[in-house]
Amino acid sequence: MNNFIIIWFIILSISLIIMWILTYFLYFKAKGLDKRCNKKIEGVVKGYSFKTIGDFHLPLVKYIVNNKEYKVAGPKFKSGKVLYISTPFIKETEYETNLTSRDNLPDKLIVGIKKNSFASIMQSPLKDLYPIGQKVNVYYNENNPKEAYIDRYVEPSKIMLVFTIFTTIVCTALLIFLFVYVK
């Protein structure tokens, strides 16, 4: 075996390992969260996290389990889409969204924003449903209270799983090609 094959074997193997680690954290760990998080408690919105969906920060909720404080960002959405219309003739920023109530949260957040192209202040449309100080339902895992979600569970997207399986097939085919055809 020459160095070319060894280097590509190492690169492809590391790529596969990284893909499966990412898939574990982004897909498998989130899958079944609704079954593991079967205890309900009331939490309070304390601010907004660095986690975003469609350019908007998610509410940060603090809750207490067994005299220990935990934080969770949410509610989660499968995806977010923001449509901007920017012109100098709009005086105030206007929002259109598919958010109606906390009881009827969509899987995909869609927000339309009309704003002034020179200067505008934007605010998350989630702030209307989750103002600071608002009490919300938090569902947590009693064996691991740090594992939680807000108001409702959203199944993780299968895109990461499909991409990982595709990458595994391609990397495996490349490895077979290297060992069989490259001398």
N, C-alpha and C. Protein backbone atom coordinates (compact mmCIF):
# COMPACT_ATOMS: atom_id res chain seq x y z
N MET A 1 0.84 -1.19 0.00
CA MET A 1 0.00 0.00 0.00
C MET A 1 0.88 1.24 0.00
N ASN A 2 0.56 2.16 -0.86
CA ASN A 2 1.38 3.37 -0.90
C ASN A 2 0.77 4.45 0.01
N ASN A 3 1.53 5.53 0.15
CA ASN A 3 1.10 6.62 1.05
C ASN A 3 -0.20 7.28 0.59
N PHE A 4 -0.44 7.34 -0.71
CA PHE A 4 -1.65 7.92 -1.26
C PHE A 4 -2.91 7.23 -0.70
N ILE A 5 -2.90 5.92 -0.72
CA ILE A 5 -4.04 5.15 -0.23
C ILE A 5 -4.20 5.33 1.27
N ILE A 6 -3.11 5.31 1.99
CA ILE A 6 -3.17 5.47 3.45
C ILE A 6 -3.72 6.84 3.83
N ILE A 7 -3.27 7.89 3.15
CA ILE A 7 -3.76 9.24 3.46
C ILE A 7 -5.26 9.33 3.17
N TRP A 8 -5.71 8.83 2.02
CA TRP A 8 -7.14 8.89 1.69
C TRP A 8 -7.96 8.01 2.63
N PHE A 9 -7.41 6.87 3.04
CA PHE A 9 -8.12 6.02 4.00
C PHE A 9 -8.33 6.76 5.30
N ILE A 10 -7.31 7.46 5.77
CA ILE A 10 -7.41 8.22 7.03
C ILE A 10 -8.42 9.36 6.87
N ILE A 11 -8.34 10.10 5.77
CA ILE A 11 -9.26 11.22 5.55
C ILE A 11 -10.72 10.75 5.50
N LEU A 12 -10.97 9.69 4.74
CA LEU A 12 -12.34 9.18 4.61
C LEU A 12 -12.84 8.59 5.93
N SER A 13 -11.98 7.91 6.65
CA SER A 13 -12.38 7.34 7.94
C SER A 13 -12.72 8.42 8.95
N ILE A 14 -11.89 9.46 9.02
CA ILE A 14 -12.16 10.58 9.94
C ILE A 14 -13.45 11.28 9.54
N SER A 15 -13.68 11.45 8.24
CA SER A 15 -14.92 12.09 7.77
C SER A 15 -16.14 11.29 8.21
N LEU A 16 -16.06 9.97 8.07
CA LEU A 16 -17.19 9.13 8.49
C LEU A 16 -17.43 9.23 9.99
N ILE A 17 -16.37 9.21 10.76
CA ILE A 17 -16.51 9.30 12.22
C ILE A 17 -17.15 10.63 12.60
N ILE A 18 -16.69 11.72 12.00
CA ILE A 18 -17.26 13.05 12.30
C ILE A 18 -18.73 13.10 11.91
N MET A 19 -19.08 12.56 10.75
CA MET A 19 -20.48 12.56 10.31
C MET A 19 -21.38 11.79 11.27
N TRP A 20 -20.92 10.63 11.74
CA TRP A 20 -21.75 9.84 12.64
C TRP A 20 -21.85 10.49 14.03
N ILE A 21 -20.79 11.18 14.46
CA ILE A 21 -20.87 11.92 15.74
C ILE A 21 -21.88 13.06 15.62
N LEU A 22 -21.81 13.81 14.52
CA LEU A 22 -22.77 14.88 14.30
C LEU A 22 -24.21 14.35 14.22
N THR A 23 -24.37 13.24 13.53
CA THR A 23 -25.69 12.64 13.41
C THR A 23 -26.22 12.20 14.77
N TYR A 24 -25.34 11.68 15.61
CA TYR A 24 -25.77 11.28 16.94
C TYR A 24 -26.31 12.49 17.72
N PHE A 25 -25.54 13.58 17.72
CA PHE A 25 -25.94 14.74 18.51
C PHE A 25 -27.11 15.51 17.90
N LEU A 26 -27.19 15.57 16.57
CA LEU A 26 -28.24 16.36 15.93
C LEU A 26 -29.51 15.58 15.61
N TYR A 27 -29.41 14.25 15.56
CA TYR A 27 -30.60 13.47 15.21
C TYR A 27 -30.98 12.47 16.30
N PHE A 28 -30.11 11.50 16.56
CA PHE A 28 -30.48 10.40 17.46
C PHE A 28 -30.71 10.86 18.90
N LYS A 29 -29.91 11.83 19.37
CA LYS A 29 -30.09 12.31 20.74
C LYS A 29 -31.41 13.07 20.89
N ALA A 30 -31.83 13.78 19.85
CA ALA A 30 -33.08 14.54 19.90
C ALA A 30 -34.30 13.65 19.64
N LYS A 31 -34.10 12.54 18.95
CA LYS A 31 -35.22 11.65 18.65
C LYS A 31 -35.69 10.95 19.93
N GLY A 32 -36.97 10.91 20.12
CA GLY A 32 -37.54 10.25 21.30
C GLY A 32 -37.51 11.11 22.55
N LEU A 33 -37.19 12.38 22.39
CA LEU A 33 -37.15 13.29 23.53
C LEU A 33 -38.52 13.37 24.20
N ASP A 34 -39.59 13.26 23.41
CA ASP A 34 -40.93 13.33 23.96
C ASP A 34 -41.25 12.15 24.89
N LYS A 35 -40.63 11.00 24.63
CA LYS A 35 -40.85 9.84 25.50
C LYS A 35 -40.01 9.92 26.77
N ARG A 36 -38.79 10.46 26.65
CA ARG A 36 -37.92 10.57 27.81
C ARG A 36 -38.32 11.73 28.73
N CYS A 37 -38.81 12.79 28.15
CA CYS A 37 -39.19 13.98 28.93
C CYS A 37 -40.68 13.90 29.27
N ASN A 38 -41.00 13.13 30.29
CA ASN A 38 -42.40 12.89 30.62
C ASN A 38 -42.86 13.62 31.88
N LYS A 39 -42.03 14.42 32.49
CA LYS A 39 -42.41 15.21 33.66
C LYS A 39 -42.63 16.65 33.22
N LYS A 40 -43.70 17.25 33.75
CA LYS A 40 -44.06 18.61 33.38
C LYS A 40 -43.85 19.54 34.57
N ILE A 41 -43.28 20.70 34.27
CA ILE A 41 -43.05 21.71 35.31
C ILE A 41 -43.25 23.08 34.67
N GLU A 42 -43.45 24.08 35.48
CA GLU A 42 -43.61 25.43 34.96
C GLU A 42 -42.27 26.16 35.02
N GLY A 43 -41.88 26.76 33.90
CA GLY A 43 -40.67 27.55 33.84
C GLY A 43 -41.02 28.99 33.53
N VAL A 44 -40.01 29.86 33.58
CA VAL A 44 -40.22 31.28 33.35
C VAL A 44 -39.25 31.76 32.28
N VAL A 45 -39.76 32.53 31.31
CA VAL A 45 -38.91 33.12 30.28
C VAL A 45 -38.06 34.19 30.94
N LYS A 46 -36.74 34.02 30.86
CA LYS A 46 -35.80 34.95 31.50
C LYS A 46 -35.08 35.84 30.50
N GLY A 47 -35.17 35.52 29.22
CA GLY A 47 -34.48 36.30 28.20
C GLY A 47 -34.53 35.54 26.89
N TYR A 48 -33.56 35.84 26.02
CA TYR A 48 -33.51 35.18 24.72
C TYR A 48 -32.11 34.62 24.51
N SER A 49 -32.05 33.40 23.99
CA SER A 49 -30.78 32.67 23.88
C SER A 49 -30.04 33.06 22.61
N PHE A 50 -28.85 32.50 22.46
CA PHE A 50 -28.08 32.68 21.24
C PHE A 50 -28.57 31.76 20.13
N LYS A 51 -29.36 30.75 20.47
CA LYS A 51 -29.92 29.85 19.46
C LYS A 51 -30.96 30.61 18.66
N THR A 52 -30.91 30.45 17.35
CA THR A 52 -31.84 31.17 16.50
C THR A 52 -32.59 30.22 15.58
N ILE A 53 -33.73 30.70 15.11
CA ILE A 53 -34.48 30.03 14.05
C ILE A 53 -34.93 31.13 13.10
N GLY A 54 -34.49 31.06 11.87
CA GLY A 54 -34.85 32.07 10.89
C GLY A 54 -34.46 33.48 11.30
N ASP A 55 -33.26 33.67 11.81
CA ASP A 55 -32.72 34.97 12.23
C ASP A 55 -33.30 35.50 13.54
N PHE A 56 -34.13 34.75 14.22
CA PHE A 56 -34.72 35.22 15.47
C PHE A 56 -34.27 34.35 16.64
N HIS A 57 -33.95 35.01 17.74
CA HIS A 57 -33.49 34.30 18.93
C HIS A 57 -34.66 33.62 19.63
N LEU A 58 -34.39 32.41 20.13
CA LEU A 58 -35.41 31.64 20.84
C LEU A 58 -35.47 32.07 22.31
N PRO A 59 -36.65 31.99 22.91
CA PRO A 59 -36.76 32.32 24.33
C PRO A 59 -35.89 31.39 25.18
N LEU A 60 -35.33 31.94 26.24
CA LEU A 60 -34.53 31.16 27.19
C LEU A 60 -35.38 31.01 28.45
N VAL A 61 -35.70 29.77 28.78
CA VAL A 61 -36.59 29.48 29.90
C VAL A 61 -35.78 28.82 31.01
N LYS A 62 -35.95 29.33 32.23
CA LYS A 62 -35.32 28.73 33.41
C LYS A 62 -36.38 27.97 34.18
N TYR A 63 -35.98 26.79 34.67
CA TYR A 63 -36.88 25.96 35.47
C TYR A 63 -36.06 25.31 36.58
N ILE A 64 -36.74 24.93 37.64
CA ILE A 64 -36.06 24.37 38.81
C ILE A 64 -36.57 22.95 39.06
N VAL A 65 -35.62 22.01 39.16
CA VAL A 65 -35.92 20.62 39.49
C VAL A 65 -34.99 20.21 40.62
N ASN A 66 -35.56 19.71 41.71
CA ASN A 66 -34.79 19.28 42.88
C ASN A 66 -33.84 20.38 43.37
N ASN A 67 -34.37 21.59 43.47
CA ASN A 67 -33.63 22.77 43.95
C ASN A 67 -32.42 23.13 43.09
N LYS A 68 -32.38 22.67 41.85
CA LYS A 68 -31.31 23.03 40.93
C LYS A 68 -31.93 23.72 39.72
N GLU A 69 -31.31 24.83 39.30
CA GLU A 69 -31.84 25.61 38.18
C GLU A 69 -31.28 25.12 36.86
N TYR A 70 -32.15 25.00 35.88
CA TYR A 70 -31.78 24.57 34.52
C TYR A 70 -32.32 25.59 33.53
N LYS A 71 -31.74 25.58 32.32
CA LYS A 71 -32.18 26.47 31.24
C LYS A 71 -32.42 25.64 29.99
N VAL A 72 -33.42 26.05 29.24
CA VAL A 72 -33.68 25.43 27.94
C VAL A 72 -34.16 26.51 26.98
N ALA A 73 -33.70 26.42 25.73
CA ALA A 73 -34.13 27.37 24.70
C ALA A 73 -35.22 26.71 23.87
N GLY A 74 -36.21 27.47 23.54
CA GLY A 74 -37.29 26.92 22.72
C GLY A 74 -38.47 27.87 22.70
N PRO A 75 -39.50 27.51 22.06
CA PRO A 75 -39.82 26.22 21.46
C PRO A 75 -39.03 25.99 20.18
N LYS A 76 -38.87 24.72 19.83
CA LYS A 76 -38.13 24.35 18.64
C LYS A 76 -39.08 24.33 17.43
N PHE A 77 -38.49 24.53 16.28
CA PHE A 77 -39.21 24.43 15.01
C PHE A 77 -38.37 23.57 14.07
N LYS A 78 -39.03 22.89 13.13
CA LYS A 78 -38.27 22.09 12.17
C LYS A 78 -37.41 22.97 11.27
N SER A 79 -37.94 24.13 10.93
CA SER A 79 -37.18 25.06 10.09
C SER A 79 -37.75 26.46 10.26
N GLY A 80 -37.01 27.42 9.75
CA GLY A 80 -37.45 28.80 9.80
C GLY A 80 -37.13 29.50 8.49
N LYS A 81 -38.03 30.37 8.07
CA LYS A 81 -37.84 31.08 6.82
C LYS A 81 -38.22 32.54 7.05
N VAL A 82 -37.32 33.43 6.66
CA VAL A 82 -37.57 34.86 6.81
C VAL A 82 -37.53 35.50 5.42
N LEU A 83 -38.59 36.22 5.09
CA LEU A 83 -38.68 36.91 3.81
C LEU A 83 -38.62 38.41 4.09
N TYR A 84 -37.62 39.09 3.53
CA TYR A 84 -37.41 40.51 3.78
C TYR A 84 -37.88 41.34 2.58
N ILE A 85 -38.54 42.44 2.88
CA ILE A 85 -38.81 43.49 1.90
C ILE A 85 -38.22 44.74 2.52
N SER A 86 -37.26 45.32 1.85
CA SER A 86 -36.54 46.46 2.40
C SER A 86 -36.60 47.62 1.41
N THR A 87 -37.14 48.75 1.87
CA THR A 87 -37.27 49.93 1.03
C THR A 87 -37.17 51.17 1.92
N PRO A 88 -36.70 52.28 1.40
CA PRO A 88 -36.60 53.50 2.23
C PRO A 88 -37.94 54.15 2.51
N PHE A 89 -39.02 53.68 1.91
CA PHE A 89 -40.33 54.32 2.06
C PHE A 89 -41.17 53.74 3.20
N ILE A 90 -40.70 52.70 3.86
CA ILE A 90 -41.43 52.11 5.00
C ILE A 90 -40.97 52.81 6.27
N LYS A 91 -41.92 53.34 7.05
CA LYS A 91 -41.56 54.09 8.26
C LYS A 91 -41.31 53.17 9.44
N GLU A 92 -42.19 52.20 9.66
CA GLU A 92 -42.05 51.28 10.79
C GLU A 92 -41.93 49.85 10.28
N THR A 93 -41.18 49.06 11.00
CA THR A 93 -41.02 47.66 10.64
C THR A 93 -42.34 46.93 10.85
N GLU A 94 -42.76 46.15 9.84
CA GLU A 94 -44.01 45.39 9.90
C GLU A 94 -43.69 43.90 9.79
N TYR A 95 -44.44 43.09 10.52
CA TYR A 95 -44.23 41.65 10.52
C TYR A 95 -45.50 40.93 10.07
N GLU A 96 -45.32 39.87 9.33
CA GLU A 96 -46.38 38.90 9.05
C GLU A 96 -45.79 37.54 9.39
N THR A 97 -46.51 36.75 10.15
CA THR A 97 -45.98 35.46 10.58
C THR A 97 -47.08 34.42 10.69
N ASN A 98 -46.68 33.17 10.68
CA ASN A 98 -47.66 32.11 10.87
C ASN A 98 -47.80 31.71 12.34
N LEU A 99 -47.22 32.50 13.24
CA LEU A 99 -47.43 32.28 14.67
C LEU A 99 -48.79 32.83 15.06
N THR A 100 -49.62 31.99 15.67
CA THR A 100 -50.94 32.45 16.09
C THR A 100 -51.08 32.43 17.61
N SER A 101 -50.70 31.31 18.21
CA SER A 101 -50.78 31.19 19.67
C SER A 101 -49.78 30.13 20.13
N ARG A 102 -49.55 30.10 21.44
CA ARG A 102 -48.63 29.08 21.97
C ARG A 102 -49.23 27.69 21.89
N ASP A 103 -50.55 27.60 21.85
CA ASP A 103 -51.21 26.30 21.75
C ASP A 103 -51.19 25.74 20.33
N ASN A 104 -50.93 26.61 19.36
CA ASN A 104 -50.98 26.21 17.96
C ASN A 104 -49.70 26.61 17.23
N LEU A 105 -48.55 26.19 17.74
CA LEU A 105 -47.27 26.54 17.13
C LEU A 105 -47.05 25.73 15.85
N PRO A 106 -46.59 26.39 14.78
CA PRO A 106 -46.33 25.65 13.53
C PRO A 106 -45.02 24.88 13.62
N ASP A 107 -44.88 23.85 12.78
CA ASP A 107 -43.61 23.12 12.70
C ASP A 107 -42.54 23.96 12.01
N LYS A 108 -42.98 24.75 11.02
CA LYS A 108 -42.05 25.59 10.26
C LYS A 108 -42.43 27.05 10.50
N LEU A 109 -41.49 27.81 11.03
CA LEU A 109 -41.72 29.23 11.30
C LEU A 109 -41.47 30.04 10.03
N ILE A 110 -42.48 30.82 9.64
CA ILE A 110 -42.35 31.68 8.47
C ILE A 110 -42.65 33.11 8.90
N VAL A 111 -41.73 34.02 8.59
CA VAL A 111 -41.89 35.42 8.97
C VAL A 111 -41.61 36.29 7.75
N GLY A 112 -42.53 37.21 7.49
CA GLY A 112 -42.33 38.22 6.45
C GLY A 112 -42.07 39.55 7.13
N ILE A 113 -41.02 40.24 6.70
CA ILE A 113 -40.64 41.50 7.34
C ILE A 113 -40.55 42.59 6.28
N LYS A 114 -41.27 43.68 6.54
CA LYS A 114 -41.13 44.88 5.72
C LYS A 114 -40.43 45.90 6.58
N LYS A 115 -39.28 46.39 6.11
CA LYS A 115 -38.50 47.30 6.94
C LYS A 115 -37.87 48.40 6.11
N ASN A 116 -37.48 49.46 6.79
CA ASN A 116 -36.79 50.58 6.16
C ASN A 116 -35.37 50.14 5.84
N SER A 117 -34.92 50.43 4.64
CA SER A 117 -33.59 49.97 4.21
C SER A 117 -32.46 50.80 4.82
N PHE A 118 -32.77 51.99 5.33
CA PHE A 118 -31.72 52.83 5.93
C PHE A 118 -31.54 52.54 7.42
N ALA A 119 -32.64 52.48 8.14
CA ALA A 119 -32.56 52.24 9.59
C ALA A 119 -33.84 51.57 10.05
N SER A 120 -33.68 50.49 10.78
CA SER A 120 -34.86 49.80 11.32
C SER A 120 -34.47 49.00 12.55
N ILE A 121 -35.43 48.81 13.41
CA ILE A 121 -35.24 48.00 14.61
C ILE A 121 -36.14 46.79 14.47
N MET A 122 -35.52 45.61 14.56
CA MET A 122 -36.31 44.38 14.44
C MET A 122 -36.44 43.72 15.80
N GLN A 123 -37.57 43.07 15.98
CA GLN A 123 -37.84 42.36 17.22
C GLN A 123 -38.38 40.98 16.86
N SER A 124 -38.05 40.00 17.65
CA SER A 124 -38.49 38.64 17.39
C SER A 124 -40.01 38.53 17.51
N PRO A 125 -40.66 37.89 16.52
CA PRO A 125 -42.11 37.69 16.65
C PRO A 125 -42.45 36.74 17.80
N LEU A 126 -41.45 36.02 18.30
CA LEU A 126 -41.67 35.14 19.44
C LEU A 126 -41.85 35.93 20.74
N LYS A 127 -41.41 37.20 20.76
CA LYS A 127 -41.53 38.01 21.97
C LYS A 127 -42.98 38.29 22.34
N ASP A 128 -43.87 38.27 21.35
CA ASP A 128 -45.29 38.47 21.66
C ASP A 128 -45.87 37.25 22.38
N LEU A 129 -45.45 36.06 21.96
CA LEU A 129 -45.97 34.83 22.58
C LEU A 129 -45.20 34.45 23.85
N TYR A 130 -43.92 34.84 23.91
CA TYR A 130 -43.06 34.49 25.04
C TYR A 130 -42.37 35.73 25.60
N PRO A 131 -43.13 36.65 26.20
CA PRO A 131 -42.49 37.83 26.80
C PRO A 131 -41.69 37.44 28.04
N ILE A 132 -40.70 38.24 28.37
CA ILE A 132 -39.89 37.97 29.56
C ILE A 132 -40.80 37.99 30.79
N GLY A 133 -40.64 36.98 31.63
CA GLY A 133 -41.48 36.83 32.82
C GLY A 133 -42.67 35.90 32.63
N GLN A 134 -42.95 35.52 31.39
CA GLN A 134 -44.08 34.64 31.07
C GLN A 134 -43.81 33.22 31.60
N LYS A 135 -44.82 32.60 32.19
CA LYS A 135 -44.70 31.21 32.63
C LYS A 135 -45.05 30.30 31.47
N VAL A 136 -44.24 29.26 31.27
CA VAL A 136 -44.44 28.31 30.17
C VAL A 136 -44.26 26.89 30.68
N ASN A 137 -44.82 25.94 29.93
CA ASN A 137 -44.68 24.53 30.27
C ASN A 137 -43.33 24.00 29.80
N VAL A 138 -42.64 23.33 30.70
CA VAL A 138 -41.38 22.68 30.37
C VAL A 138 -41.55 21.20 30.67
N TYR A 139 -41.20 20.37 29.70
CA TYR A 139 -41.23 18.92 29.86
C TYR A 139 -39.79 18.45 29.98
N TYR A 140 -39.47 17.73 31.04
CA TYR A 140 -38.08 17.34 31.27
C TYR A 140 -37.96 15.85 31.59
N ASN A 141 -36.74 15.35 31.47
CA ASN A 141 -36.41 13.97 31.76
C ASN A 141 -36.06 13.89 33.25
N GLU A 142 -36.80 13.11 34.03
CA GLU A 142 -36.54 13.06 35.47
C GLU A 142 -35.18 12.44 35.80
N ASN A 143 -34.64 11.60 34.92
CA ASN A 143 -33.31 11.03 35.13
C ASN A 143 -32.19 11.97 34.71
N ASN A 144 -32.50 12.91 33.84
CA ASN A 144 -31.53 13.90 33.36
C ASN A 144 -32.29 15.21 33.14
N PRO A 145 -32.53 15.98 34.20
CA PRO A 145 -33.38 17.18 34.09
C PRO A 145 -32.86 18.24 33.11
N LYS A 146 -31.60 18.15 32.73
CA LYS A 146 -31.05 19.10 31.76
C LYS A 146 -31.66 18.87 30.36
N GLU A 147 -32.17 17.67 30.12
CA GLU A 147 -32.78 17.31 28.85
C GLU A 147 -34.26 17.72 28.91
N ALA A 148 -34.64 18.73 28.11
CA ALA A 148 -36.00 19.26 28.21
C ALA A 148 -36.42 19.93 26.91
N TYR A 149 -37.72 20.20 26.81
CA TYR A 149 -38.25 21.00 25.71
C TYR A 149 -39.41 21.85 26.23
N ILE A 150 -39.75 22.89 25.44
CA ILE A 150 -40.77 23.85 25.85
C ILE A 150 -42.05 23.64 25.03
N ASP A 151 -43.17 23.59 25.73
CA ASP A 151 -44.53 23.58 25.17
C ASP A 151 -44.87 22.37 24.30
N ARG A 152 -44.06 22.05 23.31
CA ARG A 152 -44.36 20.88 22.49
C ARG A 152 -43.09 20.35 21.85
N TYR A 153 -43.12 19.06 21.55
CA TYR A 153 -41.96 18.37 20.98
C TYR A 153 -42.02 18.43 19.46
N VAL A 154 -40.86 18.65 18.83
CA VAL A 154 -40.75 18.62 17.38
C VAL A 154 -39.75 17.54 17.00
N GLU A 155 -40.20 16.61 16.20
CA GLU A 155 -39.35 15.52 15.71
C GLU A 155 -38.17 16.12 14.92
N PRO A 156 -36.94 15.63 15.16
CA PRO A 156 -35.80 16.17 14.41
C PRO A 156 -35.90 15.84 12.92
N SER A 157 -35.34 16.71 12.10
CA SER A 157 -35.38 16.53 10.66
C SER A 157 -34.54 15.32 10.26
N LYS A 158 -35.03 14.58 9.30
CA LYS A 158 -34.32 13.38 8.83
C LYS A 158 -33.24 13.72 7.81
N ILE A 159 -33.09 14.99 7.46
CA ILE A 159 -32.10 15.39 6.46
C ILE A 159 -30.69 14.99 6.90
N MET A 160 -30.38 15.21 8.19
CA MET A 160 -29.04 14.87 8.68
C MET A 160 -28.79 13.37 8.58
N LEU A 161 -29.80 12.57 8.91
CA LEU A 161 -29.66 11.11 8.83
C LEU A 161 -29.46 10.67 7.38
N VAL A 162 -30.26 11.20 6.46
CA VAL A 162 -30.13 10.83 5.05
C VAL A 162 -28.76 11.26 4.51
N PHE A 163 -28.33 12.47 4.87
CA PHE A 163 -27.02 12.95 4.42
C PHE A 163 -25.89 12.07 4.95
N THR A 164 -25.98 11.64 6.20
CA THR A 164 -24.96 10.78 6.79
C THR A 164 -24.93 9.42 6.11
N ILE A 165 -26.08 8.85 5.84
CA ILE A 165 -26.14 7.55 5.16
C ILE A 165 -25.56 7.68 3.75
N PHE A 166 -25.92 8.75 3.05
CA PHE A 166 -25.37 8.99 1.71
C PHE A 166 -23.85 9.15 1.76
N THR A 167 -23.36 9.94 2.71
CA THR A 167 -21.91 10.14 2.86
C THR A 167 -21.20 8.83 3.19
N THR A 168 -21.82 8.01 4.02
CA THR A 168 -21.24 6.71 4.37
C THR A 168 -21.12 5.83 3.13
N ILE A 169 -22.15 5.81 2.30
CA ILE A 169 -22.12 5.00 1.08
C ILE A 169 -21.03 5.49 0.14
N VAL A 170 -20.95 6.81 -0.05
CA VAL A 170 -19.94 7.38 -0.95
C VAL A 170 -18.53 7.11 -0.42
N CYS A 171 -18.31 7.33 0.87
CA CYS A 171 -16.97 7.10 1.45
C CYS A 171 -16.59 5.63 1.37
N THR A 172 -17.54 4.75 1.63
CA THR A 172 -17.27 3.31 1.54
C THR A 172 -16.93 2.93 0.11
N ALA A 173 -17.67 3.47 -0.86
CA ALA A 173 -17.37 3.19 -2.27
C ALA A 173 -15.99 3.70 -2.64
N LEU A 174 -15.62 4.86 -2.15
CA LEU A 174 -14.28 5.40 -2.42
C LEU A 174 -13.19 4.53 -1.79
N LEU A 175 -13.44 4.05 -0.59
CA LEU A 175 -12.46 3.18 0.07
C LEU A 175 -12.28 1.88 -0.72
N ILE A 176 -13.39 1.30 -1.17
CA ILE A 176 -13.31 0.07 -1.96
C ILE A 176 -12.56 0.35 -3.26
N PHE A 177 -12.86 1.47 -3.91
CA PHE A 177 -12.17 1.85 -5.14
C PHE A 177 -10.68 1.98 -4.89
N LEU A 178 -10.30 2.65 -3.80
CA LEU A 178 -8.87 2.82 -3.49
C LEU A 178 -8.16 1.49 -3.31
N PHE A 179 -8.79 0.57 -2.59
CA PHE A 179 -8.12 -0.71 -2.31
C PHE A 179 -8.10 -1.63 -3.52
N VAL A 180 -9.11 -1.55 -4.37
CA VAL A 180 -9.20 -2.47 -5.50
C VAL A 180 -8.45 -1.96 -6.72
N TYR A 181 -8.61 -0.68 -7.05
CA TYR A 181 -8.11 -0.18 -8.32
C TYR A 181 -6.82 0.63 -8.25
N VAL A 182 -6.50 1.17 -7.11
CA VAL A 182 -5.28 1.98 -7.01
C VAL A 182 -4.17 1.10 -6.45
N LYS A 183 -3.11 0.99 -7.18
CA LYS A 183 -1.99 0.14 -6.73
C LYS A 183 -0.78 0.97 -6.46
